[in-house]
Structure formats: C-alpha cells, structure tokens
Amino acid sequence: MTYDPQTGTVQYRSKKKKGPEVIETFSALDWLARLSTHIPDKWEQMVRYYGWYSNRQRGKRKPAQKGPAESVPVPDPESESDFKN
C-alpha cells in the first residue's frame, strides 16, 4: 500500500501467490471507507475462524484424534486382587 499526497490517492497491491499481482487505485476517502468496513461495531465480536478452524469443529475433532496411548489407564485386575479377601 502506498499513498501519494500530491494526488491524494492510495495504491493497493494484492498478495497473490498464484496469478498476476493486482494493483488498485483509490481516493483517500474511498480507501478509508473500504478499510473501516473491517472494524466491528461496539460490543460486536469478529469471527476470526470459521469452518474447519472454528472452535466448535476443533472440539469435535479432538476426541476423535485421541489414540490408545492418550486414553485413561485401566488398572490391571491382578493388582487389585491383592487387596481383596
């Protein structure tokens, strides 16, 4: 992003890894208007993760990812027999 104070314009370059780089030119007020749409209203929460990366989906996957080594250990029945009469 570059600002030209003489013309009052902002040039924005996209960060695309594939395909051609896109350069857009905005007036300073138009750029501020576009930028301000990303600011949430007071008392509102921004959704940062959705789909596969959301807390709910990660919570659902977590129990399924536990392997036998991470499960709760079960006491051996022979060791319990020493205490029984």
PDB file of N, CA and C in Angstrom:
ATOM      1  N   MET A   1       0.849  -1.150   0.000  1.00  0.00           N
ATOM      2  CA  MET A   1       0.000   0.000   0.000  1.00  0.00           C
ATOM      3  C   MET A   1       0.907   1.229   0.000  1.00  0.00           C
ATOM      4  N   THR A   2       0.629   2.137  -0.905  1.00  0.00           N
ATOM      5  CA  THR A   2       1.385   3.390  -0.957  1.00  0.00           C
ATOM      6  C   THR A   2       0.410   4.542  -1.093  1.00  0.00           C
ATOM      7  N   TYR A   3       0.767   5.652  -0.462  1.00  0.00           N
ATOM      8  CA  TYR A   3      -0.070   6.860  -0.501  1.00  0.00           C
ATOM      9  C   TYR A   3       0.687   7.950  -1.250  1.00  0.00           C
ATOM     10  N   ASP A   4       0.017   8.599  -2.193  1.00  0.00           N
ATOM     11  CA  ASP A   4       0.598   9.713  -2.932  1.00  0.00           C
ATOM     12  C   ASP A   4      -0.078  10.998  -2.461  1.00  0.00           C
ATOM     13  N   PRO A   5       0.611  11.821  -1.643  1.00  0.00           N
ATOM     14  CA  PRO A   5      -0.025  13.025  -1.099  1.00  0.00           C
ATOM     15  C   PRO A   5      -0.345  14.086  -2.148  1.00  0.00           C
ATOM     16  N   GLN A   6       0.355  14.101  -3.265  1.00  0.00           N
ATOM     17  CA  GLN A   6       0.089  15.108  -4.299  1.00  0.00           C
ATOM     18  C   GLN A   6      -1.266  14.889  -4.968  1.00  0.00           C
ATOM     19  N   THR A   7      -1.576  13.628  -5.263  1.00  0.00           N
ATOM     20  CA  THR A   7      -2.853  13.336  -5.919  1.00  0.00           C
ATOM     21  C   THR A   7      -3.922  12.904  -4.923  1.00  0.00           C
ATOM     22  N   GLY A   8      -3.523  12.562  -3.707  1.00  0.00           N
ATOM     23  CA  GLY A   8      -4.477  12.105  -2.687  1.00  0.00           C
ATOM     24  C   GLY A   8      -5.038  10.728  -2.986  1.00  0.00           C
ATOM     25  N   THR A   9      -4.199   9.850  -3.563  1.00  0.00           N
ATOM     26  CA  THR A   9      -4.646   8.502  -3.905  1.00  0.00           C
ATOM     27  C   THR A   9      -3.836   7.462  -3.154  1.00  0.00           C
ATOM     28  N   VAL A  10      -4.437   6.305  -3.012  1.00  0.00           N
ATOM     29  CA  VAL A  10      -3.795   5.167  -2.365  1.00  0.00           C
ATOM     30  C   VAL A  10      -3.722   4.043  -3.388  1.00  0.00           C
ATOM     31  N   GLN A  11      -2.538   3.454  -3.530  1.00  0.00           N
ATOM     32  CA  GLN A  11      -2.382   2.290  -4.402  1.00  0.00           C
ATOM     33  C   GLN A  11      -2.224   1.068  -3.524  1.00  0.00           C
ATOM     34  N   TYR A  12      -3.048   0.056  -3.774  1.00  0.00           N
ATOM     35  CA  TYR A  12      -3.024  -1.191  -3.013  1.00  0.00           C
ATOM     36  C   TYR A  12      -2.604  -2.322  -3.931  1.00  0.00           C
ATOM     37  N   ARG A  13      -1.602  -3.093  -3.503  1.00  0.00           N
ATOM     38  CA  ARG A  13      -1.137  -4.259  -4.260  1.00  0.00           C
ATOM     39  C   ARG A  13      -1.545  -5.507  -3.514  1.00  0.00           C
ATOM     40  N   SER A  14      -2.173  -6.447  -4.210  1.00  0.00           N
ATOM     41  CA  SER A  14      -2.600  -7.694  -3.576  1.00  0.00           C
ATOM     42  C   SER A  14      -1.404  -8.617  -3.388  1.00  0.00           C
ATOM     43  N   LYS A  15      -1.557  -9.543  -2.454  1.00  0.00           N
ATOM     44  CA  LYS A  15      -0.501 -10.516  -2.166  1.00  0.00           C
ATOM     45  C   LYS A  15      -0.935 -11.883  -2.672  1.00  0.00           C
ATOM     46  N   LYS A  16      -1.075 -12.023  -3.939  1.00  0.00           N
ATOM     47  CA  LYS A  16      -1.455 -13.316  -4.509  1.00  0.00           C
ATOM     48  C   LYS A  16      -0.210 -14.122  -4.804  1.00  0.00           C
ATOM     49  N   LYS A  17      -0.232 -15.390  -4.388  1.00  0.00           N
ATOM     50  CA  LYS A  17       0.900 -16.271  -4.671  1.00  0.00           C
ATOM     51  C   LYS A  17       0.815 -16.826  -6.087  1.00  0.00           C
ATOM     52  N   LYS A  18      -0.397 -17.018  -6.547  1.00  0.00           N
ATOM     53  CA  LYS A  18      -0.599 -17.527  -7.900  1.00  0.00           C
ATOM     54  C   LYS A  18      -1.342 -16.471  -8.708  1.00  0.00           C
ATOM     55  N   GLY A  19      -1.011 -16.356  -9.934  1.00  0.00           N
ATOM     56  CA  GLY A  19      -1.695 -15.404 -10.796  1.00  0.00           C
ATOM     57  C   GLY A  19      -1.023 -14.042 -10.750  1.00  0.00           C
ATOM     58  N   PRO A  20      -1.540 -13.135 -11.567  1.00  0.00           N
ATOM     59  CA  PRO A  20      -0.923 -11.809 -11.650  1.00  0.00           C
ATOM     60  C   PRO A  20      -1.211 -10.962 -10.409  1.00  0.00           C
ATOM     61  N   GLU A  21      -0.293 -10.069 -10.099  1.00  0.00           N
ATOM     62  CA  GLU A  21      -0.472  -9.146  -8.987  1.00  0.00           C
ATOM     63  C   GLU A  21      -1.491  -8.083  -9.396  1.00  0.00           C
ATOM     64  N   VAL A  22      -2.447  -7.799  -8.522  1.00  0.00           N
ATOM     65  CA  VAL A  22      -3.491  -6.832  -8.822  1.00  0.00           C
ATOM     66  C   VAL A  22      -3.176  -5.530  -8.091  1.00  0.00           C
ATOM     67  N   ILE A  23      -3.158  -4.435  -8.832  1.00  0.00           N
ATOM     68  CA  ILE A  23      -2.921  -3.117  -8.248  1.00  0.00           C
ATOM     69  C   ILE A  23      -4.191  -2.290  -8.432  1.00  0.00           C
ATOM     70  N   GLU A  24      -4.738  -1.807  -7.324  1.00  0.00           N
ATOM     71  CA  GLU A  24      -5.944  -0.983  -7.369  1.00  0.00           C
ATOM     72  C   GLU A  24      -5.607   0.405  -6.836  1.00  0.00           C
ATOM     73  N   THR A  25      -6.219   1.425  -7.422  1.00  0.00           N
ATOM     74  CA  THR A  25      -6.002   2.806  -7.001  1.00  0.00           C
ATOM     75  C   THR A  25      -7.317   3.354  -6.471  1.00  0.00           C
ATOM     76  N   PHE A  26      -7.269   3.952  -5.268  1.00  0.00           N
ATOM     77  CA  PHE A  26      -8.445   4.526  -4.617  1.00  0.00           C
ATOM     78  C   PHE A  26      -8.140   5.965  -4.219  1.00  0.00           C
ATOM     79  N   SER A  27      -9.192   6.773  -4.109  1.00  0.00           N
ATOM     80  CA  SER A  27      -9.010   8.064  -3.471  1.00  0.00           C
ATOM     81  C   SER A  27      -8.847   7.797  -1.979  1.00  0.00           C
ATOM     82  N   ALA A  28      -8.278   8.748  -1.254  1.00  0.00           N
ATOM     83  CA  ALA A  28      -8.005   8.529   0.163  1.00  0.00           C
ATOM     84  C   ALA A  28      -9.289   8.248   0.938  1.00  0.00           C
ATOM     85  N   LEU A  29     -10.376   8.965   0.643  1.00  0.00           N
ATOM     86  CA  LEU A  29     -11.638   8.756   1.357  1.00  0.00           C
ATOM     87  C   LEU A  29     -12.261   7.410   1.016  1.00  0.00           C
ATOM     88  N   ASP A  30     -12.160   7.003  -0.242  1.00  0.00           N
ATOM     89  CA  ASP A  30     -12.680   5.681  -0.617  1.00  0.00           C
ATOM     90  C   ASP A  30     -11.899   4.567   0.088  1.00  0.00           C
ATOM     91  N   TRP A  31     -10.586   4.743   0.203  1.00  0.00           N
ATOM     92  CA  TRP A  31      -9.764   3.739   0.889  1.00  0.00           C
ATOM     93  C   TRP A  31     -10.155   3.633   2.358  1.00  0.00           C
ATOM     94  N   LEU A  32     -10.355   4.779   3.016  1.00  0.00           N
ATOM     95  CA  LEU A  32     -10.769   4.754   4.421  1.00  0.00           C
ATOM     96  C   LEU A  32     -12.146   4.113   4.576  1.00  0.00           C
ATOM     97  N   ALA A  33     -13.038   4.357   3.629  1.00  0.00           N
ATOM     98  CA  ALA A  33     -14.370   3.747   3.694  1.00  0.00           C
ATOM     99  C   ALA A  33     -14.267   2.227   3.572  1.00  0.00           C
ATOM    100  N   ARG A  34     -13.452   1.752   2.656  1.00  0.00           N
ATOM    101  CA  ARG A  34     -13.270   0.296   2.498  1.00  0.00           C
ATOM    102  C   ARG A  34     -12.592  -0.312   3.710  1.00  0.00           C
ATOM    103  N   LEU A  35     -11.612   0.386   4.255  1.00  0.00           N
ATOM    104  CA  LEU A  35     -10.881  -0.122   5.413  1.00  0.00           C
ATOM    105  C   LEU A  35     -11.770  -0.163   6.650  1.00  0.00           C
ATOM    106  N   SER A  36     -12.632   0.819   6.816  1.00  0.00           N
ATOM    107  CA  SER A  36     -13.477   0.880   8.018  1.00  0.00           C
ATOM    108  C   SER A  36     -14.550  -0.198   8.040  1.00  0.00           C
ATOM    109  N   THR A  37     -14.843  -0.827   6.925  1.00  0.00           N
ATOM    110  CA  THR A  37     -15.833  -1.909   6.929  1.00  0.00           C
ATOM    111  C   THR A  37     -15.327  -3.135   7.683  1.00  0.00           C
ATOM    112  N   HIS A  38     -14.014  -3.228   7.896  1.00  0.00           N
ATOM    113  CA  HIS A  38     -13.434  -4.368   8.614  1.00  0.00           C
ATOM    114  C   HIS A  38     -13.387  -4.155  10.117  1.00  0.00           C
ATOM    115  N   ILE A  39     -13.772  -2.987  10.596  1.00  0.00           N
ATOM    116  CA  ILE A  39     -13.777  -2.694  12.028  1.00  0.00           C
ATOM    117  C   ILE A  39     -15.162  -3.038  12.572  1.00  0.00           C
ATOM    118  N   PRO A  40     -15.252  -3.916  13.574  1.00  0.00           N
ATOM    119  CA  PRO A  40     -16.575  -4.289  14.099  1.00  0.00           C
ATOM    120  C   PRO A  40     -17.188  -3.146  14.911  1.00  0.00           C
ATOM    121  N   ASP A  41     -18.518  -3.135  14.989  1.00  0.00           N
ATOM    122  CA  ASP A  41     -19.216  -2.150  15.808  1.00  0.00           C
ATOM    123  C   ASP A  41     -18.926  -2.418  17.277  1.00  0.00           C
ATOM    124  N   LYS A  42     -19.231  -1.415  18.108  1.00  0.00           N
ATOM    125  CA  LYS A  42     -19.001  -1.553  19.535  1.00  0.00           C
ATOM    126  C   LYS A  42     -19.828  -2.721  20.062  1.00  0.00           C
ATOM    127  N   TRP A  43     -19.246  -3.524  20.915  1.00  0.00           N
ATOM    128  CA  TRP A  43     -19.829  -4.695  21.559  1.00  0.00           C
ATOM    129  C   TRP A  43     -20.072  -5.853  20.600  1.00  0.00           C
ATOM    130  N   GLU A  44     -19.547  -5.798  19.404  1.00  0.00           N
ATOM    131  CA  GLU A  44     -19.667  -6.918  18.470  1.00  0.00           C
ATOM    132  C   GLU A  44     -18.346  -7.672  18.424  1.00  0.00           C
ATOM    133  N   GLN A  45     -18.442  -8.948  18.149  1.00  0.00           N
ATOM    134  CA  GLN A  45     -17.266  -9.803  18.104  1.00  0.00           C
ATOM    135  C   GLN A  45     -16.975 -10.170  16.659  1.00  0.00           C
ATOM    136  N   MET A  46     -15.699 -10.118  16.295  1.00  0.00           N
ATOM    137  CA  MET A  46     -15.310 -10.537  14.956  1.00  0.00           C
ATOM    138  C   MET A  46     -15.153 -12.045  14.918  1.00  0.00           C
ATOM    139  N   VAL A  47     -15.602 -12.655  13.854  1.00  0.00           N
ATOM    140  CA  VAL A  47     -15.413 -14.089  13.663  1.00  0.00           C
ATOM    141  C   VAL A  47     -14.079 -14.255  12.954  1.00  0.00           C
ATOM    142  N   ARG A  48     -13.120 -14.823  13.654  1.00  0.00           N
ATOM    143  CA  ARG A  48     -11.791 -14.963  13.078  1.00  0.00           C
ATOM    144  C   ARG A  48     -11.595 -16.335  12.433  1.00  0.00           C
ATOM    145  N   TYR A  49     -12.245 -17.342  12.969  1.00  0.00           N
ATOM    146  CA  TYR A  49     -12.105 -18.686  12.440  1.00  0.00           C
ATOM    147  C   TYR A  49     -13.492 -19.257  12.168  1.00  0.00           C
ATOM    148  N   TYR A  50     -13.665 -19.852  11.026  1.00  0.00           N
ATOM    149  CA  TYR A  50     -14.931 -20.487  10.706  1.00  0.00           C
ATOM    150  C   TYR A  50     -14.646 -21.739   9.886  1.00  0.00           C
ATOM    151  N   GLY A  51     -15.630 -22.601   9.832  1.00  0.00           N
ATOM    152  CA  GLY A  51     -15.438 -23.848   9.095  1.00  0.00           C
ATOM    153  C   GLY A  51     -14.526 -24.798   9.840  1.00  0.00           C
ATOM    154  N   TRP A  52     -13.524 -25.320   9.171  1.00  0.00           N
ATOM    155  CA  TRP A  52     -12.618 -26.324   9.712  1.00  0.00           C
ATOM    156  C   TRP A  52     -11.850 -25.800  10.922  1.00  0.00           C
ATOM    157  N   TYR A  53     -11.532 -24.507  10.963  1.00  0.00           N
ATOM    158  CA  TYR A  53     -10.698 -23.941  12.018  1.00  0.00           C
ATOM    159  C   TYR A  53     -11.495 -23.376  13.193  1.00  0.00           C
ATOM    160  N   SER A  54     -12.810 -23.436  13.170  1.00  0.00           N
ATOM    161  CA  SER A  54     -13.609 -22.876  14.257  1.00  0.00           C
ATOM    162  C   SER A  54     -13.432 -23.710  15.529  1.00  0.00           C
ATOM    163  N   ASN A  55     -13.683 -23.077  16.680  1.00  0.00           N
ATOM    164  CA  ASN A  55     -13.537 -23.770  17.963  1.00  0.00           C
ATOM    165  C   ASN A  55     -14.449 -24.991  18.038  1.00  0.00           C
ATOM    166  N   ARG A  56     -15.646 -24.850  17.513  1.00  0.00           N
ATOM    167  CA  ARG A  56     -16.593 -25.966  17.585  1.00  0.00           C
ATOM    168  C   ARG A  56     -16.095 -27.178  16.799  1.00  0.00           C
ATOM    169  N   GLN A  57     -15.603 -26.932  15.602  1.00  0.00           N
ATOM    170  CA  GLN A  57     -15.121 -28.044  14.778  1.00  0.00           C
ATOM    171  C   GLN A  57     -13.854 -28.661  15.362  1.00  0.00           C
ATOM    172  N   ARG A  58     -12.959 -27.830  15.915  1.00  0.00           N
ATOM    173  CA  ARG A  58     -11.757 -28.377  16.540  1.00  0.00           C
ATOM    174  C   ARG A  58     -12.118 -29.200  17.765  1.00  0.00           C
ATOM    175  N   GLY A  59     -13.150 -28.767  18.511  1.00  0.00           N
ATOM    176  CA  GLY A  59     -13.594 -29.527  19.673  1.00  0.00           C
ATOM    177  C   GLY A  59     -14.189 -30.868  19.292  1.00  0.00           C
ATOM    178  N   LYS A  60     -14.883 -30.913  18.172  1.00  0.00           N
ATOM    179  CA  LYS A  60     -15.443 -32.186  17.709  1.00  0.00           C
ATOM    180  C   LYS A  60     -14.344 -33.142  17.262  1.00  0.00           C
ATOM    181  N   ARG A  61     -13.294 -32.613  16.649  1.00  0.00           N
ATOM    182  CA  ARG A  61     -12.217 -33.468  16.145  1.00  0.00           C
ATOM    183  C   ARG A  61     -11.295 -33.940  17.254  1.00  0.00           C
ATOM    184  N   LYS A  62     -11.172 -33.195  18.328  1.00  0.00           N
ATOM    185  CA  LYS A  62     -10.210 -33.528  19.373  1.00  0.00           C
ATOM    186  C   LYS A  62     -10.437 -34.917  19.985  1.00  0.00           C
ATOM    187  N   PRO A  63     -11.676 -35.303  20.383  1.00  0.00           N
ATOM    188  CA  PRO A  63     -11.853 -36.662  20.925  1.00  0.00           C
ATOM    189  C   PRO A  63     -11.569 -37.754  19.899  1.00  0.00           C
ATOM    190  N   ALA A  64     -11.833 -37.473  18.647  1.00  0.00           N
ATOM    191  CA  ALA A  64     -11.604 -38.475  17.608  1.00  0.00           C
ATOM    192  C   ALA A  64     -10.117 -38.671  17.341  1.00  0.00           C
ATOM    193  N   GLN A  65      -9.299 -37.650  17.654  1.00  0.00           N
ATOM    194  CA  GLN A  65      -7.875 -37.743  17.386  1.00  0.00           C
ATOM    195  C   GLN A  65      -7.116 -38.453  18.492  1.00  0.00           C
ATOM    196  N   LYS A  66      -7.729 -38.642  19.650  1.00  0.00           N
ATOM    197  CA  LYS A  66      -7.031 -39.316  20.743  1.00  0.00           C
ATOM    198  C   LYS A  66      -6.781 -40.767  20.375  1.00  0.00           C
ATOM    199  N   GLY A  67      -5.569 -41.178  20.572  1.00  0.00           N
ATOM    200  CA  GLY A  67      -5.200 -42.556  20.282  1.00  0.00           C
ATOM    201  C   GLY A  67      -5.269 -43.390  21.540  1.00  0.00           C
ATOM    202  N   PRO A  68      -4.948 -44.684  21.463  1.00  0.00           N
ATOM    203  CA  PRO A  68      -4.994 -45.548  22.640  1.00  0.00           C
ATOM    204  C   PRO A  68      -3.978 -45.138  23.709  1.00  0.00           C
ATOM    205  N   ALA A  69      -2.861 -44.514  23.332  1.00  0.00           N
ATOM    206  CA  ALA A  69      -1.853 -44.100  24.313  1.00  0.00           C
ATOM    207  C   ALA A  69      -2.350 -42.940  25.168  1.00  0.00           C
ATOM    208  N   GLU A  70      -3.295 -42.144  24.645  1.00  0.00           N
ATOM    209  CA  GLU A  70      -3.785 -40.984  25.366  1.00  0.00           C
ATOM    210  C   GLU A  70      -5.053 -41.276  26.159  1.00  0.00           C
ATOM    211  N   SER A  71      -5.561 -42.493  26.089  1.00  0.00           N
ATOM    212  CA  SER A  71      -6.793 -42.827  26.799  1.00  0.00           C
ATOM    213  C   SER A  71      -6.520 -42.986  28.293  1.00  0.00           C
ATOM    214  N   VAL A  72      -7.567 -43.038  29.077  1.00  0.00           N
ATOM    215  CA  VAL A  72      -7.446 -43.175  30.527  1.00  0.00           C
ATOM    216  C   VAL A  72      -6.944 -44.574  30.855  1.00  0.00           C
ATOM    217  N   PRO A  73      -5.901 -44.686  31.701  1.00  0.00           N
ATOM    218  CA  PRO A  73      -5.372 -46.025  32.003  1.00  0.00           C
ATOM    219  C   PRO A  73      -6.360 -46.830  32.847  1.00  0.00           C
ATOM    220  N   VAL A  74      -6.474 -48.108  32.527  1.00  0.00           N
ATOM    221  CA  VAL A  74      -7.361 -49.022  33.251  1.00  0.00           C
ATOM    222  C   VAL A  74      -6.497 -49.871  34.167  1.00  0.00           C
ATOM    223  N   PRO A  75      -6.833 -49.956  35.482  1.00  0.00           N
ATOM    224  CA  PRO A  75      -5.999 -50.752  36.392  1.00  0.00           C
ATOM    225  C   PRO A  75      -6.057 -52.237  36.039  1.00  0.00           C
ATOM    226  N   ASP A  76      -4.962 -52.901  36.277  1.00  0.00           N
ATOM    227  CA  ASP A  76      -4.849 -54.324  35.988  1.00  0.00           C
ATOM    228  C   ASP A  76      -5.643 -55.111  37.039  1.00  0.00           C
ATOM    229  N   PRO A  77      -6.499 -56.077  36.664  1.00  0.00           N
ATOM    230  CA  PRO A  77      -7.305 -56.817  37.634  1.00  0.00           C
ATOM    231  C   PRO A  77      -6.463 -57.648  38.601  1.00  0.00           C
ATOM    232  N   GLU A  78      -5.288 -58.126  38.187  1.00  0.00           N
ATOM    233  CA  GLU A  78      -4.444 -58.918  39.081  1.00  0.00           C
ATOM    234  C   GLU A  78      -3.889 -58.083  40.237  1.00  0.00           C
ATOM    235  N   SER A  79      -3.595 -56.809  39.982  1.00  0.00           N
ATOM    236  CA  SER A  79      -3.063 -55.978  41.061  1.00  0.00           C
ATOM    237  C   SER A  79      -4.154 -55.639  42.086  1.00  0.00           C
ATOM    238  N   GLU A  80      -5.402 -55.636  41.650  1.00  0.00           N
ATOM    239  CA  GLU A  80      -6.496 -55.369  42.578  1.00  0.00           C
ATOM    240  C   GLU A  80      -6.793 -56.586  43.467  1.00  0.00           C
ATOM    241  N   SER A  81      -6.477 -57.773  43.013  1.00  0.00           N
ATOM    242  CA  SER A  81      -6.788 -58.979  43.756  1.00  0.00           C
ATOM    243  C   SER A  81      -6.009 -59.097  45.063  1.00  0.00           C
ATOM    244  N   ASP A  82      -4.864 -58.427  45.194  1.00  0.00           N
ATOM    245  CA  ASP A  82      -4.071 -58.475  46.419  1.00  0.00           C
ATOM    246  C   ASP A  82      -4.813 -57.845  47.588  1.00  0.00           C
ATOM    247  N   PHE A  83      -5.687 -56.902  47.315  1.00  0.00           N
ATOM    248  CA  PHE A  83      -6.410 -56.178  48.372  1.00  0.00           C
ATOM    249  C   PHE A  83      -7.735 -56.827  48.724  1.00  0.00           C
ATOM    250  N   LYS A  84      -8.201 -57.744  47.941  1.00  0.00           N
ATOM    251  CA  LYS A  84      -9.493 -58.381  48.198  1.00  0.00           C
ATOM    252  C   LYS A  84      -9.296 -59.601  49.098  1.00  0.00           C
ATOM    253  N   ASN A  85     -10.243 -59.891  49.946  1.00  0.00           N
ATOM    254  CA  ASN A  85     -10.190 -61.058  50.828  1.00  0.00           C
ATOM    255  C   ASN A  85     -10.905 -62.225  50.243  1.00  0.00           C
TER     256      ASN A  85
END
